[in-house]
Each structure stands twice: as C-alpha cells, then as structure tokens.
C-alpha cells in the first residue's frame, strides 16, 4: 500500500456507544490516502472488541490497546509516534467527520505552508436534537488577539503537521484535560494557526463527554495552563488575569452545562471583537486621513504639481 498522507487518530476510552459511527464517518471521506489509528486506553466496556472488529474490517485501520488507563495525552503521543502520515487528523470517539473534511484541510496545508495547525467551525449537536454552529476565527492574527481567553480550536476539528507537533514537544499529560490548548500555544510559537470557515466536524455534546464529565478538572488545568502561557508565551494584562480567576470560580461553583453556555456566548462576542476591531480602526483612520487631506491647503509648487 502507498504510504498514507494523513493519519486519523481516535483515542478510545469506554466509547463503544458511538465509536462505530465515528469510524464509518472517516471511512466515507472523499479523500482516500489515509490511515486510522485506534488506541484503547484501558476501557471497561466493549470498546476493545469493537476496535478489533473495525481493524479487521478495514485494511487502513490499525488498533493498539493498553491494559491500564494511561491518560489521553500519553495515548495521543503514542499514536503520533506510530503515525505514518505527514499530517495528523484528530477526531474523538463520539464525533462525526464530514465527507470533505480531510480533503479540505490537506488542500489548505498545501496552499499555506506557514500554517502548522488548521481547525474549522463545528456543528454541535445534542441527543435532544438541538444543534448550533460554533465558529472559530480564521487567521493567525485574529486567533492570537484573544487566545489567552478563548482556545484557538475545537480539538476534534484540528489537523496538524506531524513534524511540528513533535518539535513542539507533543501533548503534556500534566495539563490534561487542557493539554490540547497547551499544545496550540506551543505550536503557535513555531508557526501560524488557522481555521476553515465552515463546519467540517459534527461534535456530540452529552453528559458522558470528557469536556462535561471532567469539567472541574478542566477548570483547574485551564487556570494552570493560562498561568503557564502568561510566563512562557505572552504576558497577560491584569484584566485578563482577573478574568482567569473569575472563570476558575465559575467553573468550580456552577455546572458544566451553564459554564459551556456562557463560554459560547463570550466566544461569539470575542470573535466579533477580534475580526472587526482592526477593520473598524482602519475605517476610522482612513476617514480621518481623507478629511485632513481634503481640508489641507494645496502647497504652491514651482513645478506646477
């Protein structure tokens, strides 16, 4: 078989309920030069059996398993080292990849060699049928205006260059469940980040999702990760540091559902700020300069100009 250009990594932990749907969505991709790596992290349900069945059914699906739970960061690092692809494509066991996702992101990388990681918008859906499109900023400049407050990506939408993630030091388990955002900071110091401006992944929001189930642990790791970013990535002004404390308190006091709802509202507002603030200032500057030029008397010139 030809060497795969893309490696799709799906970490598995007690994921038997939705895993088959996730893998089938990948196999239906319009882009065909890929492999899938499934790594079971000590599941207690039927995940191992299902992974084994999927690896036998599809020639480009490879299965590895750990007897005891090692943690998501270690699982992802193990899979990255096993990956044959030039690009690493992430998706979770309970999400659904849209048909043109891989092709769209590979084409983007080929046209933008300075970009080291690219995500997309996501379609968030719940078991009760509710859906919403969650948007992420397009350019590196926009992303880094607010990345000390809002994560650059939805993790299951991201594709990144294997050589860059290795150079950045891969995932650091001690920052789990905020280890993905911690990685985006480090990769963002090496190259540019970007997001495709349409939904390429459907993300399932449910009470068993890690972002909900381990929300208080995520709150604590996010605060530590922000303090790390302040020291090693970008110095944060006092009002941003005050927001981190406020975010921490809310995360420890209120429910995951409430916090995620407020986070998405805040994210939408900050997205508009990042996109339109620079444009608005440019418009105002241009108008002011135009008025100055119009009102400025023309100087006399011997050349007649």
Protein backbone atom coordinates (compact mmCIF):
# COMPACT_ATOMS: atom_id res chain seq x y z
CA UNK A 1 0.00 0.00 0.00
CA UNK A 2 1.05 3.54 -0.71
CA UNK A 3 2.27 5.48 2.32
CA UNK A 4 -0.65 7.45 3.80
CA UNK A 5 -0.51 11.23 3.63
CA UNK A 6 -2.83 11.61 6.63
CA UNK A 7 -3.13 9.72 9.91
CA UNK A 8 -6.50 9.99 11.66
CA UNK A 9 -6.08 9.42 15.40
CA UNK A 10 -9.06 8.33 17.50
CA UNK A 11 -8.34 7.74 21.21
CA UNK A 12 -10.82 5.33 22.78
CA UNK A 13 -11.99 5.02 26.38
CA UNK A 14 -15.32 3.32 27.13
CA UNK A 15 -16.51 4.55 23.76
CA UNK A 16 -18.45 1.57 22.41
CA UNK A 17 -21.72 3.53 22.14
CA UNK A 18 -20.57 5.89 19.38
CA UNK A 19 -17.20 4.64 18.09
CA UNK A 20 -18.51 2.67 15.10
CA UNK A 21 -20.38 5.75 13.83
CA UNK A 22 -17.23 7.86 14.18
CA UNK A 23 -15.04 5.38 12.27
CA UNK A 24 -17.61 4.91 9.50
CA UNK A 25 -17.76 8.69 9.02
CA UNK A 26 -13.98 8.70 8.50
CA UNK A 27 -14.11 5.78 6.06
CA UNK A 28 -16.67 7.69 3.94
CA UNK A 29 -14.17 10.50 3.41
CA UNK A 30 -13.78 11.82 -0.15
CA UNK A 31 -10.00 11.83 0.48
CA UNK A 32 -8.66 8.27 0.39
CA UNK A 33 -4.94 8.36 1.19
CA UNK A 34 -5.21 8.00 4.95
CA UNK A 35 -4.84 5.55 7.81
CA UNK A 36 -6.75 5.38 11.08
CA UNK A 37 -5.12 4.63 14.43
CA UNK A 38 -7.39 3.48 17.26
CA UNK A 39 -5.82 3.34 20.72
CA UNK A 40 -7.90 1.91 23.54
CA UNK A 41 -6.88 3.30 26.91
CA UNK A 42 -7.93 0.57 29.31
CA UNK A 43 -11.67 0.54 28.53
CA UNK A 44 -14.04 -1.49 30.71
CA UNK A 45 -16.85 -1.74 28.14
CA UNK A 46 -16.89 -3.47 24.73
CA UNK A 47 -14.56 -0.91 23.11
CA UNK A 48 -11.62 -3.29 22.66
CA UNK A 49 -13.77 -5.88 20.91
CA UNK A 50 -15.26 -3.23 18.64
CA UNK A 51 -11.82 -1.77 17.80
CA UNK A 52 -10.54 -5.23 16.93
CA UNK A 53 -13.55 -5.82 14.67
CA UNK A 54 -13.06 -2.47 12.89
CA UNK A 55 -9.35 -3.13 12.32
CA UNK A 56 -10.19 -6.48 10.71
CA UNK A 57 -12.92 -4.98 8.54
CA UNK A 58 -10.85 -2.04 7.21
CA UNK A 59 -7.28 -2.56 5.99
CA UNK A 60 -6.23 1.01 6.81
CA UNK A 61 -7.44 0.85 10.45
CA UNK A 62 -4.75 -0.08 12.99
CA UNK A 63 -5.56 -0.97 16.58
CA UNK A 64 -3.46 -0.70 19.75
CA UNK A 65 -4.56 -1.07 23.36
CA UNK A 66 -3.34 -0.52 26.91
CA UNK A 67 -4.41 -2.79 29.75
CA UNK A 68 -4.48 0.11 32.21
CA UNK A 69 -5.58 3.71 31.64
CA UNK A 70 -2.56 5.91 30.83
CA UNK A 71 -4.31 9.20 30.10
CA UNK A 72 -5.27 10.98 26.89
CA UNK A 73 -2.01 12.88 26.39
CA UNK A 74 0.08 9.70 26.56
CA UNK A 75 -2.32 7.89 24.23
CA UNK A 76 -2.11 10.67 21.63
CA UNK A 77 1.69 10.80 21.86
CA UNK A 78 1.86 7.02 21.37
CA UNK A 79 -0.36 7.30 18.27
CA UNK A 80 1.66 10.22 16.85
CA UNK A 81 4.83 8.14 17.07
CA UNK A 82 3.09 5.26 15.27
CA UNK A 83 1.64 7.54 12.59
CA UNK A 84 2.92 7.22 9.02
CA UNK A 85 1.14 10.32 7.74
CA UNK A 86 2.62 13.74 7.10
CA UNK A 87 -0.49 15.25 8.68
CA UNK A 88 -2.24 14.22 11.89
CA UNK A 89 -6.03 14.49 11.86
CA UNK A 90 -7.84 14.45 15.21
CA UNK A 91 -11.36 13.31 15.94
CA UNK A 92 -12.95 11.88 19.07
CA UNK A 93 -14.76 8.58 19.57
CA UNK A 94 -18.19 10.25 19.81
CA UNK A 95 -17.93 12.74 16.91
CA UNK A 96 -18.69 12.59 13.19
CA UNK A 97 -16.38 13.67 10.37
CA UNK A 98 -17.94 15.28 7.31
CA UNK A 99 -17.10 13.82 3.91
CA UNK A 100 -14.78 16.57 2.63
CA UNK A 101 -13.04 17.39 5.93
CA UNK A 102 -9.68 15.70 5.23
CA UNK A 103 -9.51 16.88 1.60
CA UNK A 104 -10.31 20.48 2.59
CA UNK A 105 -7.64 20.63 5.29
CA UNK A 106 -4.94 18.90 3.21
CA UNK A 107 -5.57 21.33 0.35
CA UNK A 108 -5.34 24.21 2.80
CA UNK A 109 -1.97 23.00 4.09
CA UNK A 110 -0.59 22.62 0.57
CA UNK A 111 -1.53 26.22 -0.21
CA UNK A 112 -0.39 27.64 3.16
CA UNK A 113 2.99 26.14 4.13
CA UNK A 114 3.40 28.65 7.00
CA UNK A 115 0.36 27.20 8.83
CA UNK A 116 1.19 24.39 11.29
CA UNK A 117 -2.33 23.59 12.54
CA UNK A 118 -5.74 24.16 10.99
CA UNK A 119 -9.17 23.62 12.50
CA UNK A 120 -12.68 24.52 11.40
CA UNK A 121 -16.10 25.51 12.62
CA UNK A 122 -18.09 22.70 14.20
CA UNK A 123 -21.71 21.67 14.25
CA UNK A 124 -22.54 20.95 17.89
CA UNK A 125 -25.43 18.55 18.36
CA UNK A 126 -27.23 17.16 21.40
CA UNK A 127 -29.22 13.98 21.95
CA UNK A 128 -32.45 16.04 22.14
CA UNK A 129 -31.97 17.24 18.56
CA UNK A 130 -30.70 20.74 19.33
CA UNK A 131 -27.87 21.94 17.09
CA UNK A 132 -25.73 25.03 16.69
CA UNK A 133 -22.78 26.12 14.61
CA UNK A 134 -19.78 27.11 16.75
CA UNK A 135 -17.45 29.41 14.83
CA UNK A 136 -13.69 29.78 15.23
CA UNK A 137 -11.51 32.61 13.97
CA UNK A 138 -9.98 32.42 10.50
CA UNK A 139 -6.47 33.90 10.65
CA UNK A 140 -3.43 33.60 12.88
CA UNK A 141 -3.59 37.32 13.65
CA UNK A 142 -7.23 37.13 14.77
CA UNK A 143 -6.65 33.96 16.81
CA UNK A 144 -3.67 35.35 18.73
CA UNK A 145 -5.52 38.54 19.69
CA UNK A 146 -7.71 36.53 22.07
CA UNK A 147 -6.00 33.14 22.54
CA UNK A 148 -5.27 33.97 26.19
CA UNK A 149 -9.05 33.89 26.76
CA UNK A 150 -10.53 31.58 24.09
CA UNK A 151 -8.95 28.39 22.74
CA UNK A 152 -7.98 28.67 19.05
CA UNK A 153 -9.65 25.40 18.05
CA UNK A 154 -12.26 22.76 18.72
CA UNK A 155 -9.92 19.83 19.31
CA UNK A 156 -11.78 17.24 17.15
CA UNK A 157 -11.62 19.59 14.14
CA UNK A 158 -7.85 20.02 14.11
CA UNK A 159 -5.29 18.74 11.63
CA UNK A 160 -1.61 19.49 12.22
CA UNK A 161 1.79 18.75 10.75
CA UNK A 162 3.45 15.73 12.37
CA UNK A 163 6.96 17.23 12.27
CA UNK A 164 5.77 20.41 14.00
CA UNK A 165 3.88 18.66 16.80
CA UNK A 166 6.98 16.59 17.54
CA UNK A 167 9.12 19.73 17.52
CA UNK A 168 6.66 21.40 19.93
CA UNK A 169 7.01 18.51 22.40
CA UNK A 170 3.65 16.84 21.72
CA UNK A 171 0.97 16.60 24.44
CA UNK A 172 1.85 17.06 28.10
CA UNK A 173 -0.31 14.85 30.28
CA UNK A 174 0.06 17.08 33.35
CA UNK A 175 -2.15 19.70 31.66
CA UNK A 176 -4.98 17.26 30.88
CA UNK A 177 -7.84 17.93 30.09
CA UNK A 178 -6.47 21.31 28.92
CA UNK A 179 -3.48 19.69 27.22
CA UNK A 180 -4.81 20.40 23.73
CA UNK A 181 -4.89 24.18 24.27
CA UNK A 182 -1.47 23.98 25.89
CA UNK A 183 -0.22 22.34 22.69
CA UNK A 184 -1.80 25.05 20.49
CA UNK A 185 0.19 27.70 22.38
CA UNK A 186 3.44 25.85 21.76
CA UNK A 187 2.68 25.14 18.10
CA UNK A 188 1.57 28.74 17.64
CA UNK A 189 5.03 29.90 18.71
CA UNK A 190 6.53 27.83 15.87
CA UNK A 191 4.13 28.73 13.04
CA UNK A 192 0.71 30.06 12.16
CA UNK A 193 -2.72 28.78 13.20
CA UNK A 194 -5.91 28.99 11.12
CA UNK A 195 -9.49 27.75 10.83
CA UNK A 196 -11.52 26.76 7.77
CA UNK A 197 -14.64 28.94 7.77
CA UNK A 198 -17.21 26.17 7.57
CA UNK A 199 -18.20 23.14 9.64
CA UNK A 200 -16.14 20.04 8.90
CA UNK A 201 -17.00 18.03 12.03
CA UNK A 202 -20.15 17.27 13.98
CA UNK A 203 -19.38 17.27 17.70
CA UNK A 204 -21.70 15.40 20.07
CA UNK A 205 -22.48 17.22 23.33
CA UNK A 206 -23.57 14.74 26.01
CA UNK A 207 -23.09 14.17 29.72
CA UNK A 208 -20.55 11.40 29.12
CA UNK A 209 -18.26 13.66 27.05
CA UNK A 210 -14.91 14.33 28.74
CA UNK A 211 -15.43 18.12 28.49
CA UNK A 212 -18.59 17.71 30.61
CA UNK A 213 -17.74 14.75 32.83
CA UNK A 214 -14.37 16.14 33.92
CA UNK A 215 -15.31 19.82 33.78
CA UNK A 216 -13.95 20.80 37.20
CA UNK A 217 -10.62 19.14 36.43
CA UNK A 218 -10.66 21.02 33.12
CA UNK A 219 -11.29 24.26 35.05
CA UNK A 220 -8.24 23.67 37.25
CA UNK A 221 -5.95 22.63 34.39
CA UNK A 222 -7.11 25.60 32.27
CA UNK A 223 -6.14 28.03 35.02
CA UNK A 224 -2.69 26.40 35.38
CA UNK A 225 -2.27 26.40 31.62
CA UNK A 226 -3.12 30.12 31.43
CA UNK A 227 -0.57 30.92 34.15
CA UNK A 228 1.99 28.94 32.13
CA UNK A 229 1.08 30.88 28.97
CA UNK A 230 1.49 34.17 30.84
CA UNK A 231 5.05 33.21 31.76
CA UNK A 232 6.22 31.49 28.57
CA UNK A 233 4.04 32.62 25.67
CA UNK A 234 2.55 36.08 26.06
CA UNK A 235 2.33 38.36 29.08
CA UNK A 236 -1.33 38.90 30.00
CA UNK A 237 -2.62 42.29 31.22
CA UNK A 238 -4.18 42.42 34.68
CA UNK A 239 -7.77 42.42 33.40
CA UNK A 240 -7.13 39.15 31.55
CA UNK A 241 -5.59 37.61 34.66
CA UNK A 242 -8.64 38.78 36.64
CA UNK A 243 -10.85 37.07 34.05
CA UNK A 244 -8.93 33.81 34.55
CA UNK A 245 -9.73 33.94 38.28
CA UNK A 246 -13.40 34.72 37.57
CA UNK A 247 -13.51 31.83 35.07
CA UNK A 248 -11.95 29.50 37.64
CA UNK A 249 -14.51 30.44 40.32
CA UNK A 250 -17.44 29.98 37.92
CA UNK A 251 -16.05 26.62 36.79
CA UNK A 252 -15.81 25.37 40.37
CA UNK A 253 -19.21 26.71 41.51
CA UNK A 254 -21.58 26.28 38.55
CA UNK A 255 -22.47 23.29 36.40
CA UNK A 256 -20.62 22.29 33.24
CA UNK A 257 -23.74 22.95 31.14
CA UNK A 258 -24.04 26.51 32.49
CA UNK A 259 -20.34 27.25 32.02
CA UNK A 260 -20.26 25.94 28.45
CA UNK A 261 -23.33 28.01 27.56
CA UNK A 262 -21.72 31.20 28.91
CA UNK A 263 -18.40 30.31 27.29
CA UNK A 264 -20.01 30.05 23.84
CA UNK A 265 -21.76 33.41 24.28
CA UNK A 266 -18.46 35.01 25.36
CA UNK A 267 -16.65 33.32 22.48
CA UNK A 268 -19.08 34.70 19.92
CA UNK A 269 -18.60 38.24 21.29
CA UNK A 270 -14.80 37.97 21.34
CA UNK A 271 -14.79 36.57 17.80
CA UNK A 272 -16.61 39.68 16.58
CA UNK A 273 -14.18 41.84 18.55
CA UNK A 274 -11.12 40.15 17.05
CA UNK A 275 -12.47 40.30 13.48
CA UNK A 276 -13.97 43.77 13.44
CA UNK A 277 -11.84 45.82 15.83
CA UNK A 278 -8.93 46.12 13.39
CA UNK A 279 -11.26 46.78 10.45
CA UNK A 280 -13.16 49.46 12.35
CA UNK A 281 -9.97 51.24 13.39
CA UNK A 282 -8.72 51.15 9.79
CA UNK A 283 -12.01 52.65 8.51
CA UNK A 284 -11.88 55.43 11.10
CA UNK A 285 -8.22 56.13 10.33
CA UNK A 286 -8.91 56.27 6.57
CA UNK A 287 -11.82 58.67 7.08
CA UNK A 288 -9.77 60.95 9.31
CA UNK A 289 -6.84 60.98 6.87
CA UNK A 290 -9.19 61.69 3.94
CA UNK A 291 -10.69 64.65 5.78
CA UNK A 292 -7.24 66.00 6.67
CA UNK A 293 -6.11 65.77 3.04
CA UNK A 294 -9.29 67.46 1.80
CA UNK A 295 -9.01 70.32 4.27
CA UNK A 296 -5.27 70.78 3.91
CA UNK A 297 -4.43 73.75 1.61
CA UNK A 298 -2.52 72.78 -1.52
CA UNK A 299 1.10 73.95 -1.31
CA UNK A 300 2.45 76.15 -4.11
CA UNK A 301 4.99 74.33 -6.28
CA UNK A 302 7.30 75.79 -8.96
CA UNK A 303 6.90 72.55 -10.89
CA UNK A 304 3.16 73.14 -11.05
CA UNK A 305 2.43 69.87 -9.21
